[in-house]
PDB file of N, CA and C in Angstrom:
ATOM      1  N   UNK A   1     127.783 -18.448  21.750  1.00  0.00           N
ATOM      2  CA  UNK A   1     127.954 -18.247  23.170  1.00  0.00           C
ATOM      3  C   UNK A   1     128.298 -16.769  23.456  1.00  0.00           C
ATOM      4  N   UNK A   2     129.110 -16.163  22.593  1.00  0.00           N
ATOM      5  CA  UNK A   2     129.489 -14.806  22.826  1.00  0.00           C
ATOM      6  C   UNK A   2     128.273 -13.848  22.855  1.00  0.00           C
ATOM      7  N   UNK A   3     127.255 -14.121  22.056  1.00  0.00           N
ATOM      8  CA  UNK A   3     126.060 -13.299  22.002  1.00  0.00           C
ATOM      9  C   UNK A   3     125.358 -13.390  23.370  1.00  0.00           C
ATOM     10  N   UNK A   4     125.334 -14.594  23.977  1.00  0.00           N
ATOM     11  CA  UNK A   4     124.678 -14.745  25.292  1.00  0.00           C
ATOM     12  C   UNK A   4     125.459 -13.958  26.366  1.00  0.00           C
ATOM     13  N   UNK A   5     126.784 -14.069  26.313  1.00  0.00           N
ATOM     14  CA  UNK A   5     127.646 -13.381  27.268  1.00  0.00           C
ATOM     15  C   UNK A   5     127.433 -11.884  27.156  1.00  0.00           C
ATOM     16  N   UNK A   6     127.448 -11.383  25.937  1.00  0.00           N
ATOM     17  CA  UNK A   6     127.240  -9.965  25.713  1.00  0.00           C
ATOM     18  C   UNK A   6     125.881  -9.494  26.224  1.00  0.00           C
ATOM     19  N   UNK A   7     124.863 -10.288  26.034  1.00  0.00           N
ATOM     20  CA  UNK A   7     123.521  -9.937  26.580  1.00  0.00           C
ATOM     21  C   UNK A   7     123.508  -9.920  28.102  1.00  0.00           C
ATOM     22  N   UNK A   8     124.199 -10.864  28.716  1.00  0.00           N
ATOM     23  CA  UNK A   8     124.271 -10.909  30.168  1.00  0.00           C
ATOM     24  C   UNK A   8     124.974  -9.666  30.724  1.00  0.00           C
ATOM     25  N   UNK A   9     126.142  -9.320  30.103  1.00  0.00           N
ATOM     26  CA  UNK A   9     126.851  -8.163  30.516  1.00  0.00           C
ATOM     27  C   UNK A   9     126.055  -6.869  30.343  1.00  0.00           C
ATOM     28  N   UNK A  10     125.321  -6.785  29.241  1.00  0.00           N
ATOM     29  CA  UNK A  10     124.473  -5.624  28.976  1.00  0.00           C
ATOM     30  C   UNK A  10     123.380  -5.507  30.074  1.00  0.00           C
ATOM     31  N   UNK A  11     122.773  -6.639  30.406  1.00  0.00           N
ATOM     32  CA  UNK A  11     121.701  -6.623  31.444  1.00  0.00           C
ATOM     33  C   UNK A  11     122.268  -6.223  32.771  1.00  0.00           C
ATOM     34  N   UNK A  12     123.475  -6.725  33.145  1.00  0.00           N
ATOM     35  CA  UNK A  12     124.093  -6.373  34.387  1.00  0.00           C
ATOM     36  C   UNK A  12     124.439  -4.899  34.451  1.00  0.00           C
ATOM     37  N   UNK A  13     124.906  -4.347  33.316  1.00  0.00           N
ATOM     38  CA  UNK A  13     125.216  -2.974  33.219  1.00  0.00           C
ATOM     39  C   UNK A  13     123.982  -2.077  33.410  1.00  0.00           C
ATOM     40  N   UNK A  14     122.920  -2.495  32.779  1.00  0.00           N
ATOM     41  CA  UNK A  14     121.651  -1.706  32.961  1.00  0.00           C
ATOM     42  C   UNK A  14     121.120  -1.796  34.358  1.00  0.00           C
ATOM     43  N   UNK A  15     121.253  -2.957  35.017  1.00  0.00           N
ATOM     44  CA  UNK A  15     120.863  -3.067  36.406  1.00  0.00           C
ATOM     45  C   UNK A  15     121.657  -2.174  37.332  1.00  0.00           C
ATOM     46  N   UNK A  16     122.918  -1.974  37.044  1.00  0.00           N
ATOM     47  CA  UNK A  16     123.829  -1.222  37.910  1.00  0.00           C
ATOM     48  C   UNK A  16     123.825   0.268  37.555  1.00  0.00           C
ATOM     49  N   UNK A  17     123.299   0.611  36.418  1.00  0.00           N
ATOM     50  CA  UNK A  17     123.343   2.001  35.988  1.00  0.00           C
ATOM     51  C   UNK A  17     122.754   2.980  37.002  1.00  0.00           C
ATOM     52  N   UNK A  18     123.510   3.987  37.335  1.00  0.00           N
ATOM     53  CA  UNK A  18     123.023   4.986  38.290  1.00  0.00           C
ATOM     54  C   UNK A  18     123.118   4.628  39.759  1.00  0.00           C
ATOM     55  N   UNK A  19     123.576   3.449  40.032  1.00  0.00           N
ATOM     56  CA  UNK A  19     123.741   3.027  41.452  1.00  0.00           C
ATOM     57  C   UNK A  19     125.165   3.267  41.907  1.00  0.00           C
ATOM     58  N   UNK A  20     125.346   3.561  43.190  1.00  0.00           N
ATOM     59  CA  UNK A  20     126.686   3.844  43.703  1.00  0.00           C
ATOM     60  C   UNK A  20     127.557   2.540  43.629  1.00  0.00           C
ATOM     61  N   UNK A  21     128.810   2.756  43.458  1.00  0.00           N
ATOM     62  CA  UNK A  21     129.789   1.645  43.449  1.00  0.00           C
ATOM     63  C   UNK A  21     129.873   1.000  44.872  1.00  0.00           C
ATOM     64  N   UNK A  22     129.861  -0.279  44.933  1.00  0.00           N
ATOM     65  CA  UNK A  22     130.043  -0.976  46.184  1.00  0.00           C
ATOM     66  C   UNK A  22     131.216  -1.951  46.097  1.00  0.00           C
ATOM     67  N   UNK A  23     132.174  -1.762  46.900  1.00  0.00           N
ATOM     68  CA  UNK A  23     133.365  -2.629  46.877  1.00  0.00           C
ATOM     69  C   UNK A  23     133.001  -3.919  47.641  1.00  0.00           C
ATOM     70  N   UNK A  24     133.380  -5.065  47.043  1.00  0.00           N
ATOM     71  CA  UNK A  24     133.137  -6.342  47.712  1.00  0.00           C
ATOM     72  C   UNK A  24     134.512  -6.987  47.923  1.00  0.00           C
ATOM     73  N   UNK A  25     134.972  -7.139  49.148  1.00  0.00           N
ATOM     74  CA  UNK A  25     136.251  -7.786  49.398  1.00  0.00           C
ATOM     75  C   UNK A  25     136.161  -9.274  48.962  1.00  0.00           C
ATOM     76  N   UNK A  26     137.282  -9.797  48.512  1.00  0.00           N
ATOM     77  CA  UNK A  26     137.313 -11.174  48.036  1.00  0.00           C
ATOM     78  C   UNK A  26     136.818 -12.162  49.082  1.00  0.00           C
ATOM     79  N   UNK A  27     137.168 -11.953  50.339  1.00  0.00           N
ATOM     80  CA  UNK A  27     136.746 -12.871  51.381  1.00  0.00           C
ATOM     81  C   UNK A  27     135.224 -12.865  51.514  1.00  0.00           C
ATOM     82  N   UNK A  28     134.616 -11.709  51.387  1.00  0.00           N
ATOM     83  CA  UNK A  28     133.152 -11.606  51.447  1.00  0.00           C
ATOM     84  C   UNK A  28     132.506 -12.342  50.282  1.00  0.00           C
ATOM     85  N   UNK A  29     133.038 -12.189  49.093  1.00  0.00           N
ATOM     86  CA  UNK A  29     132.510 -12.903  47.923  1.00  0.00           C
ATOM     87  C   UNK A  29     132.661 -14.388  48.098  1.00  0.00           C
ATOM     88  N   UNK A  30     133.809 -14.870  48.572  1.00  0.00           N
ATOM     89  CA  UNK A  30     133.984 -16.303  48.833  1.00  0.00           C
ATOM     90  C   UNK A  30     133.036 -16.797  49.871  1.00  0.00           C
ATOM     91  N   UNK A  31     132.789 -16.077  50.911  1.00  0.00           N
ATOM     92  CA  UNK A  31     131.861 -16.488  51.969  1.00  0.00           C
ATOM     93  C   UNK A  31     130.487 -16.617  51.419  1.00  0.00           C
ATOM     94  N   UNK A  32     130.032 -15.706  50.560  1.00  0.00           N
ATOM     95  CA  UNK A  32     128.717 -15.772  49.939  1.00  0.00           C
ATOM     96  C   UNK A  32     128.630 -17.000  49.064  1.00  0.00           C
ATOM     97  N   UNK A  33     129.664 -17.243  48.240  1.00  0.00           N
ATOM     98  CA  UNK A  33     129.640 -18.444  47.357  1.00  0.00           C
ATOM     99  C   UNK A  33     129.558 -19.709  48.186  1.00  0.00           C
ATOM    100  N   UNK A  34     130.231 -19.755  49.310  1.00  0.00           N
ATOM    101  CA  UNK A  34     130.181 -20.958  50.172  1.00  0.00           C
ATOM    102  C   UNK A  34     128.831 -21.134  50.781  1.00  0.00           C
ATOM    103  N   UNK A  35     128.158 -20.024  51.160  1.00  0.00           N
ATOM    104  CA  UNK A  35     126.796 -20.130  51.684  1.00  0.00           C
ATOM    105  C   UNK A  35     125.845 -20.673  50.644  1.00  0.00           C
ATOM    106  N   UNK A  36     126.016 -20.210  49.378  1.00  0.00           N
ATOM    107  CA  UNK A  36     125.177 -20.713  48.281  1.00  0.00           C
ATOM    108  C   UNK A  36     125.424 -22.215  48.141  1.00  0.00           C
ATOM    109  N   UNK A  37     126.682 -22.625  48.147  1.00  0.00           N
ATOM    110  CA  UNK A  37     126.953 -24.084  47.969  1.00  0.00           C
ATOM    111  C   UNK A  37     126.331 -24.947  49.058  1.00  0.00           C
ATOM    112  N   UNK A  38     126.269 -24.388  50.290  1.00  0.00           N
ATOM    113  CA  UNK A  38     125.719 -25.176  51.432  1.00  0.00           C
ATOM    114  C   UNK A  38     124.210 -25.138  51.539  1.00  0.00           C
ATOM    115  N   UNK A  39     123.549 -24.314  50.723  1.00  0.00           N
ATOM    116  CA  UNK A  39     122.100 -24.157  50.808  1.00  0.00           C
ATOM    117  C   UNK A  39     121.438 -25.472  50.311  1.00  0.00           C
ATOM    118  N   UNK A  40     120.572 -25.997  51.135  1.00  0.00           N
ATOM    119  CA  UNK A  40     119.835 -27.195  50.781  1.00  0.00           C
ATOM    120  C   UNK A  40     118.728 -26.815  49.814  1.00  0.00           C
ATOM    121  N   UNK A  41     118.699 -27.441  48.677  1.00  0.00           N
ATOM    122  CA  UNK A  41     117.720 -27.123  47.670  1.00  0.00           C
ATOM    123  C   UNK A  41     116.691 -28.248  47.577  1.00  0.00           C
ATOM    124  N   UNK A  42     115.418 -27.879  47.496  1.00  0.00           N
ATOM    125  CA  UNK A  42     114.271 -28.832  47.378  1.00  0.00           C
ATOM    126  C   UNK A  42     113.566 -28.550  46.060  1.00  0.00           C
ATOM    127  N   UNK A  43     113.159 -29.624  45.384  1.00  0.00           N
ATOM    128  CA  UNK A  43     112.415 -29.517  44.150  1.00  0.00           C
ATOM    129  C   UNK A  43     111.069 -28.805  44.394  1.00  0.00           C
ATOM    130  N   UNK A  44     110.754 -27.850  43.567  1.00  0.00           N
ATOM    131  CA  UNK A  44     109.463 -27.168  43.713  1.00  0.00           C
ATOM    132  C   UNK A  44     108.563 -27.392  42.497  1.00  0.00           C
ATOM    133  N   UNK A  45     108.981 -28.250  41.564  1.00  0.00           N
ATOM    134  CA  UNK A  45     108.119 -28.547  40.442  1.00  0.00           C
ATOM    135  C   UNK A  45     108.809 -28.432  39.118  1.00  0.00           C
ATOM    136  N   UNK A  46     108.078 -28.723  38.070  1.00  0.00           N
ATOM    137  CA  UNK A  46     108.655 -28.697  36.701  1.00  0.00           C
ATOM    138  C   UNK A  46     108.917 -27.304  36.230  1.00  0.00           C
ATOM    139  N   UNK A  47     109.889 -27.196  35.340  1.00  0.00           N
ATOM    140  CA  UNK A  47     110.204 -25.951  34.629  1.00  0.00           C
ATOM    141  C   UNK A  47     110.501 -26.335  33.178  1.00  0.00           C
ATOM    142  N   UNK A  48     109.461 -26.533  32.422  1.00  0.00           N
ATOM    143  CA  UNK A  48     109.615 -26.998  31.073  1.00  0.00           C
ATOM    144  C   UNK A  48     110.072 -28.439  31.093  1.00  0.00           C
ATOM    145  N   UNK A  49     111.190 -28.737  30.414  1.00  0.00           N
ATOM    146  CA  UNK A  49     111.793 -30.052  30.400  1.00  0.00           C
ATOM    147  C   UNK A  49     112.654 -30.244  31.665  1.00  0.00           C
ATOM    148  N   UNK A  50     112.925 -29.257  32.406  1.00  0.00           N
ATOM    149  CA  UNK A  50     113.805 -29.291  33.568  1.00  0.00           C
ATOM    150  C   UNK A  50     112.934 -29.276  34.829  1.00  0.00           C
ATOM    151  N   UNK A  51     113.558 -29.018  35.973  1.00  0.00           N
ATOM    152  CA  UNK A  51     112.784 -28.799  37.210  1.00  0.00           C
ATOM    153  C   UNK A  51     113.413 -27.720  38.008  1.00  0.00           C
ATOM    154  N   UNK A  52     112.582 -27.076  38.819  1.00  0.00           N
ATOM    155  CA  UNK A  52     113.058 -25.929  39.584  1.00  0.00           C
ATOM    156  C   UNK A  52     113.310 -26.392  41.025  1.00  0.00           C
ATOM    157  N   UNK A  53     114.366 -25.802  41.612  1.00  0.00           N
ATOM    158  CA  UNK A  53     114.698 -26.069  43.000  1.00  0.00           C
ATOM    159  C   UNK A  53     114.917 -24.747  43.738  1.00  0.00           C
ATOM    160  N   UNK A  54     114.550 -24.770  45.053  1.00  0.00           N
ATOM    161  CA  UNK A  54     114.682 -23.561  45.863  1.00  0.00           C
ATOM    162  C   UNK A  54     115.180 -23.936  47.220  1.00  0.00           C
ATOM    163  N   UNK A  55     115.737 -22.931  47.854  1.00  0.00           N
ATOM    164  CA  UNK A  55     116.169 -23.144  49.253  1.00  0.00           C
ATOM    165  C   UNK A  55     116.674 -21.876  49.809  1.00  0.00           C
ATOM    166  N   UNK A  56     116.971 -21.895  51.086  1.00  0.00           N
ATOM    167  CA  UNK A  56     117.554 -20.711  51.662  1.00  0.00           C
ATOM    168  C   UNK A  56     117.169 -20.398  53.071  1.00  0.00           C
ATOM    169  N   UNK A  57     117.772 -19.382  53.557  1.00  0.00           N
ATOM    170  CA  UNK A  57     117.575 -18.836  54.887  1.00  0.00           C
ATOM    171  C   UNK A  57     118.144 -17.409  54.751  1.00  0.00           C
ATOM    172  N   UNK A  58     119.382 -17.249  55.212  1.00  0.00           N
ATOM    173  CA  UNK A  58     120.034 -15.947  55.011  1.00  0.00           C
ATOM    174  C   UNK A  58     120.342 -15.715  53.517  1.00  0.00           C
ATOM    175  N   UNK A  59     120.417 -16.765  52.760  1.00  0.00           N
ATOM    176  CA  UNK A  59     120.643 -16.674  51.316  1.00  0.00           C
ATOM    177  C   UNK A  59     119.506 -17.403  50.599  1.00  0.00           C
ATOM    178  N   UNK A  60     118.807 -16.677  49.738  1.00  0.00           N
ATOM    179  CA  UNK A  60     117.750 -17.278  48.979  1.00  0.00           C
ATOM    180  C   UNK A  60     118.300 -17.751  47.633  1.00  0.00           C
ATOM    181  N   UNK A  61     118.104 -19.064  47.339  1.00  0.00           N
ATOM    182  CA  UNK A  61     118.633 -19.633  46.110  1.00  0.00           C
ATOM    183  C   UNK A  61     117.508 -20.230  45.281  1.00  0.00           C
ATOM    184  N   UNK A  62     117.447 -19.868  44.016  1.00  0.00           N
ATOM    185  CA  UNK A  62     116.510 -20.467  43.041  1.00  0.00           C
ATOM    186  C   UNK A  62     117.345 -20.981  41.915  1.00  0.00           C
ATOM    187  N   UNK A  63     117.035 -22.201  41.453  1.00  0.00           N
ATOM    188  CA  UNK A  63     117.818 -22.778  40.348  1.00  0.00           C
ATOM    189  C   UNK A  63     116.901 -23.655  39.472  1.00  0.00           C
ATOM    190  N   UNK A  64     117.364 -23.844  38.242  1.00  0.00           N
ATOM    191  CA  UNK A  64     116.741 -24.764  37.306  1.00  0.00           C
ATOM    192  C   UNK A  64     117.722 -25.803  36.978  1.00  0.00           C
ATOM    193  N   UNK A  65     117.329 -27.097  37.170  1.00  0.00           N
ATOM    194  CA  UNK A  65     118.242 -28.202  36.890  1.00  0.00           C
ATOM    195  C   UNK A  65     117.676 -29.077  35.752  1.00  0.00           C
ATOM    196  N   UNK A  66     118.587 -29.584  34.918  1.00  0.00           N
ATOM    197  CA  UNK A  66     118.265 -30.422  33.784  1.00  0.00           C
ATOM    198  C   UNK A  66     119.332 -31.494  33.662  1.00  0.00           C
ATOM    199  N   UNK A  67     118.950 -32.724  33.614  1.00  0.00           N
ATOM    200  CA  UNK A  67     119.894 -33.879  33.530  1.00  0.00           C
ATOM    201  C   UNK A  67     121.009 -33.747  34.601  1.00  0.00           C
ATOM    202  N   UNK A  68     120.595 -33.526  35.854  1.00  0.00           N
ATOM    203  CA  UNK A  68     121.492 -33.433  36.978  1.00  0.00           C
ATOM    204  C   UNK A  68     122.494 -32.310  36.926  1.00  0.00           C
ATOM    205  N   UNK A  69     122.212 -31.276  36.101  1.00  0.00           N
ATOM    206  CA  UNK A  69     123.084 -30.114  36.002  1.00  0.00           C
ATOM    207  C   UNK A  69     122.298 -28.863  36.229  1.00  0.00           C
ATOM    208  N   UNK A  70     122.927 -27.901  36.895  1.00  0.00           N
ATOM    209  CA  UNK A  70     122.286 -26.607  37.107  1.00  0.00           C
ATOM    210  C   UNK A  70     122.478 -25.813  35.852  1.00  0.00           C
ATOM    211  N   UNK A  71     121.384 -25.365  35.249  1.00  0.00           N
ATOM    212  CA  UNK A  71     121.487 -24.600  34.014  1.00  0.00           C
ATOM    213  C   UNK A  71     121.170 -23.111  34.242  1.00  0.00           C
ATOM    214  N   UNK A  72     120.624 -22.799  35.431  1.00  0.00           N
ATOM    215  CA  UNK A  72     120.366 -21.414  35.809  1.00  0.00           C
ATOM    216  C   UNK A  72     120.361 -21.370  37.302  1.00  0.00           C
ATOM    217  N   UNK A  73     120.968 -20.311  37.887  1.00  0.00           N
ATOM    218  CA  UNK A  73     120.955 -20.155  39.330  1.00  0.00           C
ATOM    219  C   UNK A  73     120.952 -18.701  39.676  1.00  0.00           C
ATOM    220  N   UNK A  74     120.155 -18.310  40.646  1.00  0.00           N
ATOM    221  CA  UNK A  74     120.168 -16.977  41.179  1.00  0.00           C
ATOM    222  C   UNK A  74     120.234 -17.081  42.681  1.00  0.00           C
ATOM    223  N   UNK A  75     121.055 -16.241  43.302  1.00  0.00           N
ATOM    224  CA  UNK A  75     121.178 -16.286  44.763  1.00  0.00           C
ATOM    225  C   UNK A  75     121.219 -14.834  45.265  1.00  0.00           C
ATOM    226  N   UNK A  76     120.451 -14.566  46.312  1.00  0.00           N
ATOM    227  CA  UNK A  76     120.353 -13.258  46.898  1.00  0.00           C
ATOM    228  C   UNK A  76     120.530 -13.338  48.401  1.00  0.00           C
ATOM    229  N   UNK A  77     121.434 -12.530  48.923  1.00  0.00           N
ATOM    230  CA  UNK A  77     121.677 -12.463  50.398  1.00  0.00           C
ATOM    231  C   UNK A  77     120.648 -11.567  50.983  1.00  0.00           C
ATOM    232  N   UNK A  78     120.010 -12.028  52.040  1.00  0.00           N
ATOM    233  CA  UNK A  78     119.076 -11.152  52.720  1.00  0.00           C
ATOM    234  C   UNK A  78     119.842 -10.096  53.533  1.00  0.00           C
ATOM    235  N   UNK A  79     119.228  -8.954  53.651  1.00  0.00           N
ATOM    236  CA  UNK A  79     119.866  -7.847  54.421  1.00  0.00           C
ATOM    237  C   UNK A  79     119.731  -8.215  55.883  1.00  0.00           C
ATOM    238  N   UNK A  80     120.811  -8.005  56.619  1.00  0.00           N
ATOM    239  CA  UNK A  80     120.805  -8.282  58.065  1.00  0.00           C
ATOM    240  C   UNK A  80     120.324  -7.103  58.874  1.00  0.00           C
TER     241      UNK A  80
END
């Protein structure tokens, strides 16, 4: 598991490299997480042994579910 975590941190670091720092207040982060939780997700088809779900409006959510569990999720807030 540590190898996976290290790879994720490395990828995030590379994505952020050279970009200006942006402070995110805790209330804003909580609000975003709550929007993600409220997003209605609809099945869009198979993803290997799992299935893919998508949904959104102001927040675009893509996820892969397997045995009633989310095994991957990405969420992006649209710019206002």
